[in-house]
């Protein structure tokens, strides 16, 4: 019988789909096929299970994390399956849908000042942990389980599904775990050093490019600082995307590919389509990570018709 023990068993093994309306050599990895509809389900599961294995948490432990939304949903999901309490801190500017999903999964939410970005949420998480007994901060920006899970699952899945023929990987950078882990597997584990790893960040907060952090509308990427989990030496190029470009591309994904995806997905696909169309990449296979679902953004500009 093929019956999962619980919903956590269903994380991973997401499909790859051709994106012909953007470029004939472009494929997307659709992470909304995870149980709670985002790539962060992988990371949340890995961080909690690694903590269990190392004896860092017990049934009475409260798990704490700073999140822009998807990681919080992933943690609330895994915690619900396993029976842990969760406190999540996040900027008030993040979409209302994300907050509601976290709450219905049983998480407690503490909102922080929008202008402080993810740094403010991280500081709040640390402050809560200092005042409360038996807590564990998963620290997604520096937790080694983050890139590790993308190395052994996401990267390997891409490699196996393309029979090793992937030439370029494009991913938005939030914690840095996704692009780092994928690059580690394909470049180092599989030995394809010719792989081009391309990071995507908001033009208004292009810190990887050496610019100043700032407010932007591309939820899920552009934390405003360079995360410890991002191995810069594995990145071959960084592409900056405007807010409007990300929004328009997310809408195009829905209207022309039938893929309902979030704003950061639009940013990644915009960058990837430009890369795929370059003369030197004709005949090469470009893979882009599409991290979540658009249903998480119903209250945002993504669904405002006057901006189409």
Protein backbone atom coordinates (compact mmCIF):
# COMPACT_ATOMS: atom_id res chain seq x y z
CA UNK A 1 0.00 0.00 0.00
CA UNK A 2 1.18 3.52 -0.79
CA UNK A 3 -0.08 5.41 2.26
CA UNK A 4 1.89 8.26 3.84
CA UNK A 5 2.32 8.13 7.62
CA UNK A 6 1.54 11.85 7.81
CA UNK A 7 1.61 14.99 5.66
CA UNK A 8 5.30 15.58 6.39
CA UNK A 9 6.09 12.42 4.42
CA UNK A 10 4.78 14.12 1.29
CA UNK A 11 7.35 16.93 1.21
CA UNK A 12 9.56 17.05 -1.89
CA UNK A 13 9.66 15.31 -5.28
CA UNK A 14 8.07 18.30 -7.02
CA UNK A 15 7.63 18.36 -10.81
CA UNK A 16 9.57 20.16 -13.53
CA UNK A 17 7.48 21.82 -16.26
CA UNK A 18 8.42 23.45 -19.56
CA UNK A 19 7.73 27.21 -19.75
CA UNK A 20 7.43 27.56 -23.52
CA UNK A 21 5.66 30.92 -23.45
CA UNK A 22 8.83 32.39 -21.93
CA UNK A 23 11.55 30.39 -23.71
CA UNK A 24 11.73 26.92 -25.32
CA UNK A 25 14.76 25.97 -23.22
CA UNK A 26 13.30 27.11 -19.88
CA UNK A 27 11.80 24.74 -17.29
CA UNK A 28 10.35 25.52 -13.88
CA UNK A 29 10.46 23.47 -10.69
CA UNK A 30 6.99 23.87 -9.22
CA UNK A 31 7.43 23.94 -5.43
CA UNK A 32 3.75 24.66 -4.78
CA UNK A 33 3.30 20.88 -5.11
CA UNK A 34 4.62 20.56 -1.54
CA UNK A 35 1.87 19.95 1.09
CA UNK A 36 1.66 23.57 2.28
CA UNK A 37 2.43 24.93 -1.18
CA UNK A 38 5.98 26.23 -0.92
CA UNK A 39 9.63 25.24 -1.06
CA UNK A 40 9.96 26.17 2.62
CA UNK A 41 8.19 22.93 3.59
CA UNK A 42 11.47 21.19 2.76
CA UNK A 43 13.55 23.48 4.96
CA UNK A 44 11.12 23.51 7.87
CA UNK A 45 11.01 19.73 7.99
CA UNK A 46 14.80 19.46 7.76
CA UNK A 47 15.50 22.01 10.50
CA UNK A 48 13.07 20.46 12.96
CA UNK A 49 14.14 16.87 12.29
CA UNK A 50 17.84 17.76 12.53
CA UNK A 51 17.13 19.47 15.88
CA UNK A 52 15.32 16.33 17.06
CA UNK A 53 18.22 14.12 15.99
CA UNK A 54 20.70 16.31 17.88
CA UNK A 55 18.55 16.46 21.03
CA UNK A 56 18.09 20.22 20.78
CA UNK A 57 14.31 20.04 21.18
CA UNK A 58 11.86 17.96 23.19
CA UNK A 59 8.04 17.70 23.20
CA UNK A 60 7.79 20.77 25.47
CA UNK A 61 10.06 23.00 23.37
CA UNK A 62 8.66 26.15 21.76
CA UNK A 63 10.05 26.67 18.27
CA UNK A 64 10.73 30.29 17.31
CA UNK A 65 11.56 31.77 13.92
CA UNK A 66 11.69 35.06 12.03
CA UNK A 67 9.91 34.68 8.71
CA UNK A 68 8.63 36.60 5.71
CA UNK A 69 5.81 34.07 5.58
CA UNK A 70 6.51 30.81 3.78
CA UNK A 71 9.03 29.50 6.31
CA UNK A 72 6.59 30.32 9.07
CA UNK A 73 3.86 28.37 7.31
CA UNK A 74 6.24 25.46 6.78
CA UNK A 75 7.29 25.43 10.43
CA UNK A 76 3.69 25.74 11.64
CA UNK A 77 2.77 22.82 9.36
CA UNK A 78 5.56 20.51 10.55
CA UNK A 79 5.01 21.57 14.17
CA UNK A 80 1.30 20.74 13.86
CA UNK A 81 2.19 17.27 12.56
CA UNK A 82 4.72 16.69 15.35
CA UNK A 83 2.95 18.49 18.20
CA UNK A 84 5.27 21.45 18.88
CA UNK A 85 4.34 24.99 19.88
CA UNK A 86 5.52 27.72 17.50
CA UNK A 87 6.05 31.49 17.81
CA UNK A 88 6.73 33.35 14.57
CA UNK A 89 7.95 36.91 14.12
CA UNK A 90 7.43 38.71 10.82
CA UNK A 91 7.27 42.23 9.36
CA UNK A 92 3.76 43.66 9.40
CA UNK A 93 4.10 44.39 5.67
CA UNK A 94 3.86 40.72 4.71
CA UNK A 95 0.60 39.47 3.17
CA UNK A 96 -2.45 38.89 5.36
CA UNK A 97 -3.02 35.45 3.83
CA UNK A 98 0.28 34.19 5.21
CA UNK A 99 -0.58 35.32 8.73
CA UNK A 100 -4.00 33.64 8.59
CA UNK A 101 -2.54 30.36 7.37
CA UNK A 102 0.05 30.34 10.18
CA UNK A 103 -2.64 31.02 12.76
CA UNK A 104 -4.98 28.28 11.58
CA UNK A 105 -2.03 25.87 11.79
CA UNK A 106 -1.69 26.81 15.46
CA UNK A 107 1.23 29.25 15.42
CA UNK A 108 1.44 32.40 17.53
CA UNK A 109 2.45 35.47 15.51
CA UNK A 110 4.35 38.56 16.65
CA UNK A 111 4.47 41.37 14.07
CA UNK A 112 7.43 43.74 13.73
CA UNK A 113 7.91 47.19 12.19
CA UNK A 114 7.90 46.98 8.36
CA UNK A 115 10.75 49.46 7.93
CA UNK A 116 13.09 47.21 9.92
CA UNK A 117 12.59 44.39 7.43
CA UNK A 118 13.75 40.88 8.26
CA UNK A 119 16.46 42.23 10.57
CA UNK A 120 13.73 43.51 12.88
CA UNK A 121 11.96 40.15 12.82
CA UNK A 122 15.21 38.33 13.63
CA UNK A 123 15.90 40.67 16.56
CA UNK A 124 12.37 40.12 17.89
CA UNK A 125 12.75 36.33 17.67
CA UNK A 126 15.98 36.47 19.67
CA UNK A 127 14.37 38.74 22.26
CA UNK A 128 11.45 36.33 22.77
CA UNK A 129 13.81 33.36 23.12
CA UNK A 130 15.83 35.14 25.81
CA UNK A 131 12.74 35.74 27.93
CA UNK A 132 11.16 32.30 27.55
CA UNK A 133 12.34 28.91 28.83
CA UNK A 134 12.91 25.84 26.64
CA UNK A 135 12.92 27.51 23.24
CA UNK A 136 14.68 26.74 19.98
CA UNK A 137 15.24 29.32 17.24
CA UNK A 138 15.56 27.51 13.94
CA UNK A 139 17.54 30.44 12.45
CA UNK A 140 16.82 29.73 8.80
CA UNK A 141 19.38 32.28 7.63
CA UNK A 142 22.27 30.36 9.20
CA UNK A 143 20.94 26.88 9.99
CA UNK A 144 23.07 24.37 8.07
CA UNK A 145 20.05 22.10 7.57
CA UNK A 146 18.69 24.72 5.16
CA UNK A 147 21.21 24.39 2.30
CA UNK A 148 21.77 20.73 3.22
CA UNK A 149 18.18 19.71 2.44
CA UNK A 150 18.32 21.47 -0.93
CA UNK A 151 21.56 19.68 -1.66
CA UNK A 152 20.20 16.20 -0.97
CA UNK A 153 16.67 16.74 -2.32
CA UNK A 154 16.04 19.78 -4.55
CA UNK A 155 19.40 19.68 -6.30
CA UNK A 156 19.33 15.92 -6.73
CA UNK A 157 15.76 16.01 -8.03
CA UNK A 158 16.74 18.54 -10.72
CA UNK A 159 19.80 16.49 -11.66
CA UNK A 160 17.88 13.23 -11.87
CA UNK A 161 14.87 14.68 -13.73
CA UNK A 162 17.08 16.30 -16.39
CA UNK A 163 19.45 13.32 -16.64
CA UNK A 164 22.23 15.69 -15.64
CA UNK A 165 21.61 17.95 -18.64
CA UNK A 166 20.76 21.08 -16.62
CA UNK A 167 23.10 23.92 -17.61
CA UNK A 168 21.78 26.91 -15.65
CA UNK A 169 19.86 27.23 -12.37
CA UNK A 170 18.09 30.47 -11.45
CA UNK A 171 16.64 31.12 -7.98
CA UNK A 172 15.58 34.05 -5.86
CA UNK A 173 17.64 34.60 -2.73
CA UNK A 174 16.00 34.95 0.66
CA UNK A 175 18.00 32.82 3.09
CA UNK A 176 20.34 31.64 0.34
CA UNK A 177 19.69 28.01 1.20
CA UNK A 178 18.00 27.01 -2.05
CA UNK A 179 20.59 28.20 -4.56
CA UNK A 180 23.48 27.20 -2.29
CA UNK A 181 22.22 23.65 -1.76
CA UNK A 182 21.32 23.09 -5.41
CA UNK A 183 24.71 24.42 -6.51
CA UNK A 184 26.52 22.26 -3.97
CA UNK A 185 24.90 19.12 -5.32
CA UNK A 186 25.26 19.79 -9.03
CA UNK A 187 28.65 21.53 -9.01
CA UNK A 188 30.36 19.61 -6.22
CA UNK A 189 28.54 16.32 -5.63
CA UNK A 190 27.63 15.55 -9.25
CA UNK A 191 30.79 17.25 -10.51
CA UNK A 192 29.24 19.49 -13.17
CA UNK A 193 31.41 22.54 -12.57
CA UNK A 194 30.13 24.17 -15.76
CA UNK A 195 26.71 24.78 -14.17
CA UNK A 196 25.84 28.47 -14.02
CA UNK A 197 24.13 29.43 -10.75
CA UNK A 198 22.25 32.71 -11.00
CA UNK A 199 20.86 34.52 -7.97
CA UNK A 200 17.90 36.89 -8.18
CA UNK A 201 17.31 39.82 -5.83
CA UNK A 202 15.06 42.92 -5.74
CA UNK A 203 16.48 45.97 -7.49
CA UNK A 204 15.34 48.08 -4.52
CA UNK A 205 17.33 45.98 -2.03
CA UNK A 206 20.28 44.65 -4.03
CA UNK A 207 22.64 43.86 -1.16
CA UNK A 208 24.26 40.87 -2.88
CA UNK A 209 25.21 43.28 -5.66
CA UNK A 210 26.82 45.54 -3.08
CA UNK A 211 24.04 48.10 -2.84
CA UNK A 212 22.07 49.42 0.13
CA UNK A 213 19.04 47.55 1.52
CA UNK A 214 15.61 49.06 1.08
CA UNK A 215 11.88 48.36 1.07
CA UNK A 216 10.47 46.35 -1.85
CA UNK A 217 7.38 44.37 -2.85
CA UNK A 218 8.94 41.03 -3.75
CA UNK A 219 7.97 39.05 -0.66
CA UNK A 220 10.20 36.09 0.16
CA UNK A 221 13.50 37.37 -1.22
CA UNK A 222 15.73 40.37 -0.53
CA UNK A 223 16.09 40.15 3.24
CA UNK A 224 18.24 43.29 3.33
CA UNK A 225 21.46 41.53 4.34
CA UNK A 226 23.68 38.78 2.98
CA UNK A 227 22.70 35.57 4.81
CA UNK A 228 25.32 33.20 6.21
CA UNK A 229 23.75 30.32 4.27
CA UNK A 230 24.57 31.94 0.94
CA UNK A 231 27.87 30.66 -0.45
CA UNK A 232 28.79 33.59 -2.67
CA UNK A 233 31.62 31.65 -4.31
CA UNK A 234 29.09 29.29 -5.89
CA UNK A 235 27.14 32.13 -7.52
CA UNK A 236 28.10 33.00 -11.09
CA UNK A 237 25.80 35.98 -11.58
CA UNK A 238 23.30 38.15 -9.72
CA UNK A 239 20.30 39.65 -11.51
CA UNK A 240 18.29 42.55 -10.09
CA UNK A 241 14.54 42.64 -10.76
CA UNK A 242 12.13 45.58 -10.41
CA UNK A 243 8.92 45.25 -8.39
CA UNK A 244 6.80 45.83 -11.50
CA UNK A 245 8.70 43.20 -13.51
CA UNK A 246 8.08 40.58 -10.83
CA UNK A 247 4.36 41.37 -10.63
CA UNK A 248 3.85 41.36 -14.40
CA UNK A 249 5.71 38.09 -14.82
CA UNK A 250 3.70 36.40 -12.06
CA UNK A 251 0.53 37.42 -13.90
CA UNK A 252 1.94 36.12 -17.19
CA UNK A 253 2.72 32.78 -15.53
CA UNK A 254 -0.94 32.47 -14.57
CA UNK A 255 -2.43 33.66 -17.86
CA UNK A 256 -0.09 31.89 -20.28
CA UNK A 257 1.16 28.83 -18.39
CA UNK A 258 -1.67 28.18 -15.93
CA UNK A 259 0.80 28.45 -13.06
CA UNK A 260 -0.53 30.45 -10.11
CA UNK A 261 2.65 31.60 -8.41
CA UNK A 262 3.84 34.27 -6.00
CA UNK A 263 5.69 37.53 -6.58
CA UNK A 264 9.17 36.13 -5.98
CA UNK A 265 8.36 33.43 -8.54
CA UNK A 266 7.70 36.21 -11.03
CA UNK A 267 11.07 37.77 -10.22
CA UNK A 268 12.88 34.47 -10.72
CA UNK A 269 11.08 33.63 -13.98
CA UNK A 270 11.69 37.14 -15.36
CA UNK A 271 15.40 36.74 -14.73
CA UNK A 272 15.46 33.16 -16.02
CA UNK A 273 13.64 34.03 -19.24
CA UNK A 274 16.21 36.74 -19.98
CA UNK A 275 19.03 34.28 -19.32
CA UNK A 276 17.43 31.56 -21.47
CA UNK A 277 17.13 33.94 -24.44
CA UNK A 278 20.80 34.90 -24.44
CA UNK A 279 22.65 33.82 -27.57
CA UNK A 280 25.21 31.80 -25.61
CA UNK A 281 22.42 29.85 -23.90
CA UNK A 282 20.58 28.68 -27.02
CA UNK A 283 20.31 24.91 -26.79
CA UNK A 284 21.15 24.95 -23.08
CA UNK A 285 18.66 23.89 -20.41
CA UNK A 286 17.76 26.62 -17.91
CA UNK A 287 15.92 25.65 -14.72
CA UNK A 288 14.15 28.20 -12.52
CA UNK A 289 12.80 27.62 -9.02
CA UNK A 290 9.14 28.63 -8.67
CA UNK A 291 8.92 28.66 -4.85
CA UNK A 292 5.25 29.06 -3.94
CA UNK A 293 1.63 29.63 -4.90
CA UNK A 294 -0.10 32.88 -5.83
CA UNK A 295 -3.01 32.17 -3.49
CA UNK A 296 -0.78 33.48 -0.71
CA UNK A 297 -0.93 36.98 -2.23
CA UNK A 298 -4.63 37.67 -2.76
CA UNK A 299 -4.46 40.88 -0.70
CA UNK A 300 -1.38 42.23 -2.51
CA UNK A 301 -0.84 44.21 -5.71
CA UNK A 302 -0.42 40.94 -7.59
CA UNK A 303 -4.21 40.67 -7.82
CA UNK A 304 -4.96 44.33 -8.57
CA UNK A 305 -6.28 44.41 -12.13
CA UNK A 306 -5.36 48.04 -12.76
CA UNK A 307 -1.68 47.08 -12.59
CA UNK A 308 -1.85 44.45 -15.32
